[in-house]
Amino acid sequence: MRDILYPPVIGFAKTAFKVLDLKFRMTGTENVPRTGGAVLALNHISYVDFVIGGFGAQPSKRLVRFMAKEALFRNKVSGPLMRGMHHIPVDREAGSASYREALRYLGEGEIVGVFPEATISRSFELKEFKSGTVRMAAAAGVPIIPMVLWGTQRMLTKDHPRDFSRHQRVSITVGEPMTVTRADDATAATEQLHKTMAGLLERTIREYHEQPAGAWWLPAAYGGGAPTPEEADRLDAEELRLRAERRKK
């Protein structure tokens, strides 16, 4: 796949990281294969997870083709960038086309980035996973690479003002490849992926340089001020209700 736009975008991102003096802690990046197709499964806590998640594949010199909501491709600013980097638009009303496109990319040896939670987690803990990640990897005959991000929620996430102040810390933890086949039960395999990533997330949070009590960006289970998963679900439901009302108007 010919990439004209992706390399300079990466160069711009790396320059921005230096200007912001972001402090990265990256572990397990050797688990990202240097060749061949793979599904990269990431947790979702921030609007910048695409950028940071892609950076986690750079030690293996790989470019990640993210599956992202179709609205980003229609935007006059982000659209040309998303198309130029060969990301995959996802129309939630008709997802079969994006699924087929992702399988084609995987068959061509690309890494496809997926957020199994589908939306940002307001609790910063893992939400329920969709089974599409597992089914896609099994259909393409490629491994799933679990990746956990932490600290990105402090920069730009739901319900909080953006904060791109300097010297912030971001952790990227990559787990060992997970193999699934068509013979595996998709529900059980999805549960296993969730369990694996939950373990990676717990380890990453515990090893983060600070865990201040009551901090809005720290999960309630760790003494933080973030909504509990149950409270986050209620906020998500209210957001969907308001969005549906706006569409009707």
C-alpha atoms as a PDB file:
ATOM      1  CA  MET A   1       0.000   0.000   0.000  1.00  0.00           C
ATOM      2  CA  ARG A   2       1.481   3.318  -1.052  1.00  0.00           C
ATOM      3  CA  ASP A   3       1.774   5.833   1.778  1.00  0.00           C
ATOM      4  CA  ILE A   4       2.457   9.445   0.856  1.00  0.00           C
ATOM      5  CA  LEU A   5       0.647  11.211   3.702  1.00  0.00           C
ATOM      6  CA  TYR A   6       1.163   8.850   6.661  1.00  0.00           C
ATOM      7  CA  PRO A   7       4.964   9.330   7.135  1.00  0.00           C
ATOM      8  CA  PRO A   8       4.827  13.156   7.317  1.00  0.00           C
ATOM      9  CA  VAL A   9       1.849  12.958   9.696  1.00  0.00           C
ATOM     10  CA  ILE A  10       3.910  10.692  11.947  1.00  0.00           C
ATOM     11  CA  GLY A  11       6.789  13.157  11.716  1.00  0.00           C
ATOM     12  CA  PHE A  12       4.460  16.001  12.726  1.00  0.00           C
ATOM     13  CA  ALA A  13       3.104  13.950  15.663  1.00  0.00           C
ATOM     14  CA  LYS A  14       6.599  13.131  16.915  1.00  0.00           C
ATOM     15  CA  THR A  15       7.526  16.799  16.740  1.00  0.00           C
ATOM     16  CA  ALA A  16       4.401  17.663  18.739  1.00  0.00           C
ATOM     17  CA  PHE A  17       5.348  15.034  21.333  1.00  0.00           C
ATOM     18  CA  LYS A  18       8.769  16.686  21.703  1.00  0.00           C
ATOM     19  CA  VAL A  19       7.290  20.169  21.979  1.00  0.00           C
ATOM     20  CA  LEU A  20       4.879  18.934  24.657  1.00  0.00           C
ATOM     21  CA  ASP A  21       7.715  16.948  26.244  1.00  0.00           C
ATOM     22  CA  LEU A  22       5.462  13.925  26.618  1.00  0.00           C
ATOM     23  CA  LYS A  23       7.017  11.263  28.820  1.00  0.00           C
ATOM     24  CA  PHE A  24       6.347   7.830  27.324  1.00  0.00           C
ATOM     25  CA  ARG A  25       6.626   4.533  29.171  1.00  0.00           C
ATOM     26  CA  MET A  26       6.392   1.783  26.558  1.00  0.00           C
ATOM     27  CA  THR A  27       6.551  -1.906  27.399  1.00  0.00           C
ATOM     28  CA  GLY A  28       5.997  -4.998  25.281  1.00  0.00           C
ATOM     29  CA  THR A  29       6.208  -3.166  21.955  1.00  0.00           C
ATOM     30  CA  GLU A  30       8.270  -6.068  20.606  1.00  0.00           C
ATOM     31  CA  ASN A  31       4.966  -7.994  20.523  1.00  0.00           C
ATOM     32  CA  VAL A  32       3.841  -5.933  17.537  1.00  0.00           C
ATOM     33  CA  PRO A  33       4.882  -8.084  14.546  1.00  0.00           C
ATOM     34  CA  ARG A  34       7.299  -6.505  12.082  1.00  0.00           C
ATOM     35  CA  THR A  35       5.619  -8.190   9.132  1.00  0.00           C
ATOM     36  CA  GLY A  36       2.246  -9.698   8.279  1.00  0.00           C
ATOM     37  CA  GLY A  37      -1.323  -8.912   9.170  1.00  0.00           C
ATOM     38  CA  ALA A  38      -2.582  -8.464  12.734  1.00  0.00           C
ATOM     39  CA  VAL A  39      -5.497  -6.930  14.588  1.00  0.00           C
ATOM     40  CA  LEU A  40      -4.378  -4.368  17.159  1.00  0.00           C
ATOM     41  CA  ALA A  41      -6.965  -4.209  19.967  1.00  0.00           C
ATOM     42  CA  LEU A  42      -6.835  -1.063  22.130  1.00  0.00           C
ATOM     43  CA  ASN A  43      -8.738   0.291  25.109  1.00  0.00           C
ATOM     44  CA  HIS A  44     -10.461   3.627  24.479  1.00  0.00           C
ATOM     45  CA  ILE A  45     -10.198   6.439  27.018  1.00  0.00           C
ATOM     46  CA  SER A  46      -9.401   9.509  24.904  1.00  0.00           C
ATOM     47  CA  TYR A  47      -9.901  11.212  21.564  1.00  0.00           C
ATOM     48  CA  VAL A  48      -6.135  11.020  20.965  1.00  0.00           C
ATOM     49  CA  ASP A  49      -5.926   7.231  21.321  1.00  0.00           C
ATOM     50  CA  PHE A  50      -5.579   6.878  17.547  1.00  0.00           C
ATOM     51  CA  VAL A  51      -2.406   8.951  17.560  1.00  0.00           C
ATOM     52  CA  ILE A  52      -0.846   7.412  20.672  1.00  0.00           C
ATOM     53  CA  GLY A  53      -1.867   3.866  19.734  1.00  0.00           C
ATOM     54  CA  GLY A  54      -0.262   4.241  16.331  1.00  0.00           C
ATOM     55  CA  PHE A  55       2.912   5.509  18.020  1.00  0.00           C
ATOM     56  CA  GLY A  56       3.041   2.266  19.997  1.00  0.00           C
ATOM     57  CA  ALA A  57       3.573   0.359  16.729  1.00  0.00           C
ATOM     58  CA  GLN A  58       6.472   2.560  15.631  1.00  0.00           C
ATOM     59  CA  PRO A  59       9.237   0.517  17.331  1.00  0.00           C
ATOM     60  CA  SER A  60       8.252  -2.314  14.963  1.00  0.00           C
ATOM     61  CA  LYS A  61       8.155   0.187  12.076  1.00  0.00           C
ATOM     62  CA  ARG A  62       4.499  -0.566  11.374  1.00  0.00           C
ATOM     63  CA  LEU A  63       1.662   1.707  10.265  1.00  0.00           C
ATOM     64  CA  VAL A  64      -1.744   1.034  11.794  1.00  0.00           C
ATOM     65  CA  ARG A  65      -4.952   1.331   9.748  1.00  0.00           C
ATOM     66  CA  PHE A  66      -7.587   2.272  12.296  1.00  0.00           C
ATOM     67  CA  MET A  67     -11.282   1.511  12.009  1.00  0.00           C
ATOM     68  CA  ALA A  68     -13.002   4.782  12.880  1.00  0.00           C
ATOM     69  CA  LYS A  69     -16.477   6.269  12.738  1.00  0.00           C
ATOM     70  CA  GLU A  70     -17.517   7.385   9.302  1.00  0.00           C
ATOM     71  CA  ALA A  71     -18.216  10.982  10.423  1.00  0.00           C
ATOM     72  CA  LEU A  72     -14.467  11.600  10.713  1.00  0.00           C
ATOM     73  CA  PHE A  73     -14.096  10.862   7.011  1.00  0.00           C
ATOM     74  CA  ARG A  74     -16.799  13.401   6.101  1.00  0.00           C
ATOM     75  CA  ASN A  75     -15.189  16.194   8.120  1.00  0.00           C
ATOM     76  CA  LYS A  76     -13.419  18.731   5.898  1.00  0.00           C
ATOM     77  CA  VAL A  77     -10.323  18.729   8.145  1.00  0.00           C
ATOM     78  CA  SER A  78      -9.982  15.150   9.368  1.00  0.00           C
ATOM     79  CA  GLY A  79     -11.489  13.531   6.257  1.00  0.00           C
ATOM     80  CA  PRO A  80      -8.540  14.024   3.886  1.00  0.00           C
ATOM     81  CA  LEU A  81      -6.139  12.900   6.611  1.00  0.00           C
ATOM     82  CA  MET A  82      -8.109   9.749   7.438  1.00  0.00           C
ATOM     83  CA  ARG A  83      -8.434   8.798   3.775  1.00  0.00           C
ATOM     84  CA  GLY A  84      -4.824   9.665   3.003  1.00  0.00           C
ATOM     85  CA  MET A  85      -3.594   7.378   5.779  1.00  0.00           C
ATOM     86  CA  HIS A  86      -5.851   4.572   4.526  1.00  0.00           C
ATOM     87  CA  HIS A  87      -7.885   4.250   7.698  1.00  0.00           C
ATOM     88  CA  ILE A  88     -11.200   2.403   7.472  1.00  0.00           C
ATOM     89  CA  PRO A  89     -14.552   4.236   7.829  1.00  0.00           C
ATOM     90  CA  VAL A  90     -17.170   2.462   9.941  1.00  0.00           C
ATOM     91  CA  ASP A  91     -20.842   3.137   9.351  1.00  0.00           C
ATOM     92  CA  ARG A  92     -22.596   1.698  12.399  1.00  0.00           C
ATOM     93  CA  GLU A  93     -25.816   1.364  10.422  1.00  0.00           C
ATOM     94  CA  ALA A  94     -24.101  -0.803   7.792  1.00  0.00           C
ATOM     95  CA  GLY A  95     -20.890  -2.238   9.155  1.00  0.00           C
ATOM     96  CA  SER A  96     -20.439  -5.111   6.708  1.00  0.00           C
ATOM     97  CA  ALA A  97     -18.594  -2.952   4.158  1.00  0.00           C
ATOM     98  CA  SER A  98     -15.996  -1.805   6.696  1.00  0.00           C
ATOM     99  CA  TYR A  99     -15.623  -5.394   7.939  1.00  0.00           C
ATOM    100  CA  ARG A 100     -14.861  -6.595   4.418  1.00  0.00           C
ATOM    101  CA  GLU A 101     -12.416  -3.738   3.896  1.00  0.00           C
ATOM    102  CA  ALA A 102     -10.621  -4.619   7.120  1.00  0.00           C
ATOM    103  CA  LEU A 103     -10.350  -8.256   6.033  1.00  0.00           C
ATOM    104  CA  ARG A 104      -8.851  -7.109   2.741  1.00  0.00           C
ATOM    105  CA  TYR A 105      -6.262  -5.006   4.565  1.00  0.00           C
ATOM    106  CA  LEU A 106      -5.390  -7.907   6.864  1.00  0.00           C
ATOM    107  CA  GLY A 107      -5.030 -10.196   3.869  1.00  0.00           C
ATOM    108  CA  GLU A 108      -2.553  -7.722   2.380  1.00  0.00           C
ATOM    109  CA  GLY A 109      -0.424  -7.902   5.521  1.00  0.00           C
ATOM    110  CA  GLU A 110      -1.597  -4.680   7.192  1.00  0.00           C
ATOM    111  CA  ILE A 111      -2.174  -4.028  10.904  1.00  0.00           C
ATOM    112  CA  VAL A 112      -5.762  -2.984  11.556  1.00  0.00           C
ATOM    113  CA  GLY A 113      -6.439  -1.027  14.751  1.00  0.00           C
ATOM    114  CA  VAL A 114      -9.721  -1.717  16.560  1.00  0.00           C
ATOM    115  CA  PHE A 115     -11.340  -0.391  19.737  1.00  0.00           C
ATOM    116  CA  PRO A 116     -13.419  -3.370  20.970  1.00  0.00           C
ATOM    117  CA  GLU A 117     -15.379  -1.092  23.332  1.00  0.00           C
ATOM    118  CA  ALA A 118     -16.537   0.952  20.293  1.00  0.00           C
ATOM    119  CA  THR A 119     -16.790   4.160  22.360  1.00  0.00           C
ATOM    120  CA  ILE A 120     -14.729   6.041  24.930  1.00  0.00           C
ATOM    121  CA  SER A 121     -15.024   4.672  28.468  1.00  0.00           C
ATOM    122  CA  ARG A 122     -16.027   7.416  30.867  1.00  0.00           C
ATOM    123  CA  SER A 123     -15.021   5.238  33.827  1.00  0.00           C
ATOM    124  CA  PHE A 124     -11.588   4.654  32.243  1.00  0.00           C
ATOM    125  CA  GLU A 125     -12.078   0.973  32.990  1.00  0.00           C
ATOM    126  CA  LEU A 126     -12.876  -1.489  30.213  1.00  0.00           C
ATOM    127  CA  LYS A 127     -16.426  -1.483  28.911  1.00  0.00           C
ATOM    128  CA  GLU A 128     -18.065  -4.545  27.414  1.00  0.00           C
ATOM    129  CA  PHE A 129     -16.307  -5.709  24.234  1.00  0.00           C
ATOM    130  CA  LYS A 130     -17.934  -6.255  20.856  1.00  0.00           C
ATOM    131  CA  SER A 131     -17.118  -9.631  19.305  1.00  0.00           C
ATOM    132  CA  GLY A 132     -16.110  -8.168  15.919  1.00  0.00           C
ATOM    133  CA  THR A 133     -12.418  -7.991  16.876  1.00  0.00           C
ATOM    134  CA  VAL A 134     -12.219 -11.726  17.500  1.00  0.00           C
ATOM    135  CA  ARG A 135     -14.339 -12.658  14.484  1.00  0.00           C
ATOM    136  CA  MET A 136     -12.229 -10.491  12.196  1.00  0.00           C
ATOM    137  CA  ALA A 137      -8.930 -11.983  13.380  1.00  0.00           C
ATOM    138  CA  ALA A 138     -10.289 -15.518  13.071  1.00  0.00           C
ATOM    139  CA  ALA A 139     -11.640 -14.910   9.568  1.00  0.00           C
ATOM    140  CA  ALA A 140      -8.353 -13.397   8.398  1.00  0.00           C
ATOM    141  CA  GLY A 141      -6.172 -15.956  10.167  1.00  0.00           C
ATOM    142  CA  VAL A 142      -4.114 -13.302  11.959  1.00  0.00           C
ATOM    143  CA  PRO A 143      -3.218 -12.739  15.633  1.00  0.00           C
ATOM    144  CA  ILE A 144      -4.757 -10.170  17.962  1.00  0.00           C
ATOM    145  CA  ILE A 145      -2.252  -7.850  19.629  1.00  0.00           C
ATOM    146  CA  PRO A 146      -3.684  -6.372  22.868  1.00  0.00           C
ATOM    147  CA  MET A 147      -2.550  -2.822  23.649  1.00  0.00           C
ATOM    148  CA  VAL A 148      -3.445  -0.696  26.660  1.00  0.00           C
ATOM    149  CA  LEU A 149      -3.064   3.089  26.818  1.00  0.00           C
ATOM    150  CA  TRP A 150      -3.010   5.148  29.987  1.00  0.00           C
ATOM    151  CA  GLY A 151      -2.631   8.881  30.587  1.00  0.00           C
ATOM    152  CA  THR A 152      -4.219   9.909  27.286  1.00  0.00           C
ATOM    153  CA  GLN A 153      -7.487  10.666  29.098  1.00  0.00           C
ATOM    154  CA  ARG A 154      -5.718  13.525  30.876  1.00  0.00           C
ATOM    155  CA  MET A 155      -5.244  15.305  27.531  1.00  0.00           C
ATOM    156  CA  LEU A 156      -8.597  15.017  25.769  1.00  0.00           C
ATOM    157  CA  THR A 157     -11.627  12.948  26.735  1.00  0.00           C
ATOM    158  CA  LYS A 158     -15.360  13.206  27.279  1.00  0.00           C
ATOM    159  CA  ASP A 159     -16.817  15.627  29.847  1.00  0.00           C
ATOM    160  CA  HIS A 160     -13.490  17.350  30.629  1.00  0.00           C
ATOM    161  CA  PRO A 161     -11.605  20.314  29.143  1.00  0.00           C
ATOM    162  CA  ARG A 162      -8.610  19.568  26.974  1.00  0.00           C
ATOM    163  CA  ASP A 163      -5.203  19.788  28.588  1.00  0.00           C
ATOM    164  CA  PHE A 164      -2.141  19.732  26.351  1.00  0.00           C
ATOM    165  CA  SER A 165       0.184  21.155  28.967  1.00  0.00           C
ATOM    166  CA  ARG A 166       3.796  20.000  28.845  1.00  0.00           C
ATOM    167  CA  HIS A 167       5.504  17.111  30.651  1.00  0.00           C
ATOM    168  CA  GLN A 168       2.497  14.804  30.815  1.00  0.00           C
ATOM    169  CA  ARG A 169       3.084  11.063  31.118  1.00  0.00           C
ATOM    170  CA  VAL A 170       1.616   8.384  28.878  1.00  0.00           C
ATOM    171  CA  SER A 171       1.944   4.624  29.233  1.00  0.00           C
ATOM    172  CA  ILE A 172       1.668   2.121  26.386  1.00  0.00           C
ATOM    173  CA  THR A 173       1.570  -1.571  27.309  1.00  0.00           C
ATOM    174  CA  VAL A 174       1.471  -4.263  24.639  1.00  0.00           C
ATOM    175  CA  GLY A 175       0.583  -7.839  25.508  1.00  0.00           C
ATOM    176  CA  GLU A 176       1.523 -11.083  23.834  1.00  0.00           C
ATOM    177  CA  PRO A 177      -0.260 -12.040  20.588  1.00  0.00           C
ATOM    178  CA  MET A 178      -3.510 -13.927  21.000  1.00  0.00           C
ATOM    179  CA  THR A 179      -4.430 -16.554  18.410  1.00  0.00           C
ATOM    180  CA  VAL A 180      -8.059 -17.287  17.536  1.00  0.00           C
ATOM    181  CA  THR A 181      -9.550 -19.538  14.876  1.00  0.00           C
ATOM    182  CA  ARG A 182     -12.925 -20.008  13.246  1.00  0.00           C
ATOM    183  CA  ALA A 183     -13.391 -23.077  15.449  1.00  0.00           C
ATOM    184  CA  ASP A 184     -13.185 -20.974  18.632  1.00  0.00           C
ATOM    185  CA  ASP A 185     -16.323 -19.703  20.304  1.00  0.00           C
ATOM    186  CA  ALA A 186     -16.400 -15.967  19.563  1.00  0.00           C
ATOM    187  CA  THR A 187     -18.084 -15.111  22.870  1.00  0.00           C
ATOM    188  CA  ALA A 188     -15.553 -17.057  24.934  1.00  0.00           C
ATOM    189  CA  ALA A 189     -12.626 -15.664  22.938  1.00  0.00           C
ATOM    190  CA  THR A 190     -13.939 -12.117  23.386  1.00  0.00           C
ATOM    191  CA  GLU A 191     -14.201 -12.691  27.132  1.00  0.00           C
ATOM    192  CA  GLN A 192     -10.620 -13.942  27.156  1.00  0.00           C
ATOM    193  CA  LEU A 193      -9.448 -10.861  25.269  1.00  0.00           C
ATOM    194  CA  HIS A 194     -11.294  -8.654  27.753  1.00  0.00           C
ATOM    195  CA  LYS A 195      -9.699 -10.503  30.686  1.00  0.00           C
ATOM    196  CA  THR A 196      -6.241 -10.183  29.150  1.00  0.00           C
ATOM    197  CA  MET A 197      -6.598  -6.468  28.510  1.00  0.00           C
ATOM    198  CA  ALA A 198      -8.096  -5.870  31.965  1.00  0.00           C
ATOM    199  CA  GLY A 199      -4.965  -7.428  33.453  1.00  0.00           C
ATOM    200  CA  LEU A 200      -2.736  -5.245  31.296  1.00  0.00           C
ATOM    201  CA  LEU A 201      -4.730  -2.154  32.285  1.00  0.00           C
ATOM    202  CA  GLU A 202      -4.511  -2.938  35.989  1.00  0.00           C
ATOM    203  CA  ARG A 203      -0.764  -3.438  35.761  1.00  0.00           C
ATOM    204  CA  THR A 204      -0.348  -0.232  33.762  1.00  0.00           C
ATOM    205  CA  ILE A 205      -2.363   1.841  36.238  1.00  0.00           C
ATOM    206  CA  ARG A 206      -0.487   0.371  39.219  1.00  0.00           C
ATOM    207  CA  GLU A 207       2.859   1.195  37.593  1.00  0.00           C
ATOM    208  CA  TYR A 208       1.841   4.729  36.594  1.00  0.00           C
ATOM    209  CA  HIS A 209       3.897   7.380  38.355  1.00  0.00           C
ATOM    210  CA  GLU A 210       0.980   8.767  40.392  1.00  0.00           C
ATOM    211  CA  GLN A 211      -2.450   7.768  41.668  1.00  0.00           C
ATOM    212  CA  PRO A 212      -3.765  10.824  43.535  1.00  0.00           C
ATOM    213  CA  ALA A 213      -6.908  10.119  45.562  1.00  0.00           C
ATOM    214  CA  GLY A 214      -9.987  11.723  44.033  1.00  0.00           C
ATOM    215  CA  ALA A 215      -8.315  12.612  40.724  1.00  0.00           C
ATOM    216  CA  TRP A 216     -10.963  12.860  38.009  1.00  0.00           C
ATOM    217  CA  TRP A 217      -8.853  10.800  35.588  1.00  0.00           C
ATOM    218  CA  LEU A 218      -8.378   7.875  37.990  1.00  0.00           C
ATOM    219  CA  PRO A 219     -11.009   5.085  38.100  1.00  0.00           C
ATOM    220  CA  ALA A 220     -13.241   4.917  41.147  1.00  0.00           C
ATOM    221  CA  ALA A 221     -11.919   1.410  41.849  1.00  0.00           C
ATOM    222  CA  TYR A 222      -8.490   2.957  42.427  1.00  0.00           C
ATOM    223  CA  GLY A 223      -9.742   5.727  44.694  1.00  0.00           C
ATOM    224  CA  GLY A 224     -10.219   8.230  41.892  1.00  0.00           C
ATOM    225  CA  GLY A 225     -13.070  10.552  41.032  1.00  0.00           C
ATOM    226  CA  ALA A 226     -14.056   9.015  37.699  1.00  0.00           C
ATOM    227  CA  PRO A 227     -17.607   7.647  37.365  1.00  0.00           C
ATOM    228  CA  THR A 228     -18.087   4.010  38.286  1.00  0.00           C
ATOM    229  CA  PRO A 229     -18.805   1.729  35.306  1.00  0.00           C
ATOM    230  CA  GLU A 230     -22.495   1.789  36.257  1.00  0.00           C
ATOM    231  CA  GLU A 231     -22.567   5.594  36.434  1.00  0.00           C
ATOM    232  CA  ALA A 232     -20.679   5.764  33.142  1.00  0.00           C
ATOM    233  CA  ASP A 233     -23.300   3.537  31.504  1.00  0.00           C
ATOM    234  CA  ARG A 234     -26.040   5.935  32.636  1.00  0.00           C
ATOM    235  CA  LEU A 235     -24.125   8.897  31.230  1.00  0.00           C
ATOM    236  CA  ASP A 236     -23.648   7.044  27.932  1.00  0.00           C
ATOM    237  CA  ALA A 237     -27.358   6.275  27.737  1.00  0.00           C
ATOM    238  CA  GLU A 238     -28.230   9.926  28.378  1.00  0.00           C
ATOM    239  CA  GLU A 239     -25.777  11.023  25.680  1.00  0.00           C
ATOM    240  CA  LEU A 240     -27.402   8.659  23.174  1.00  0.00           C
ATOM    241  CA  ARG A 241     -30.877   9.914  24.127  1.00  0.00           C
ATOM    242  CA  LEU A 242     -29.893  13.552  23.604  1.00  0.00           C
ATOM    243  CA  ARG A 243     -28.189  12.712  20.322  1.00  0.00           C
ATOM    244  CA  ALA A 244     -31.324  10.956  19.067  1.00  0.00           C
ATOM    245  CA  GLU A 245     -33.439  13.978  20.024  1.00  0.00           C
ATOM    246  CA  ARG A 246     -31.120  16.311  18.112  1.00  0.00           C
ATOM    247  CA  ARG A 247     -31.388  14.100  15.022  1.00  0.00           C
ATOM    248  CA  LYS A 248     -35.199  14.254  15.193  1.00  0.00           C
ATOM    249  CA  LYS A 249     -35.081  18.053  15.343  1.00  0.00           C
END
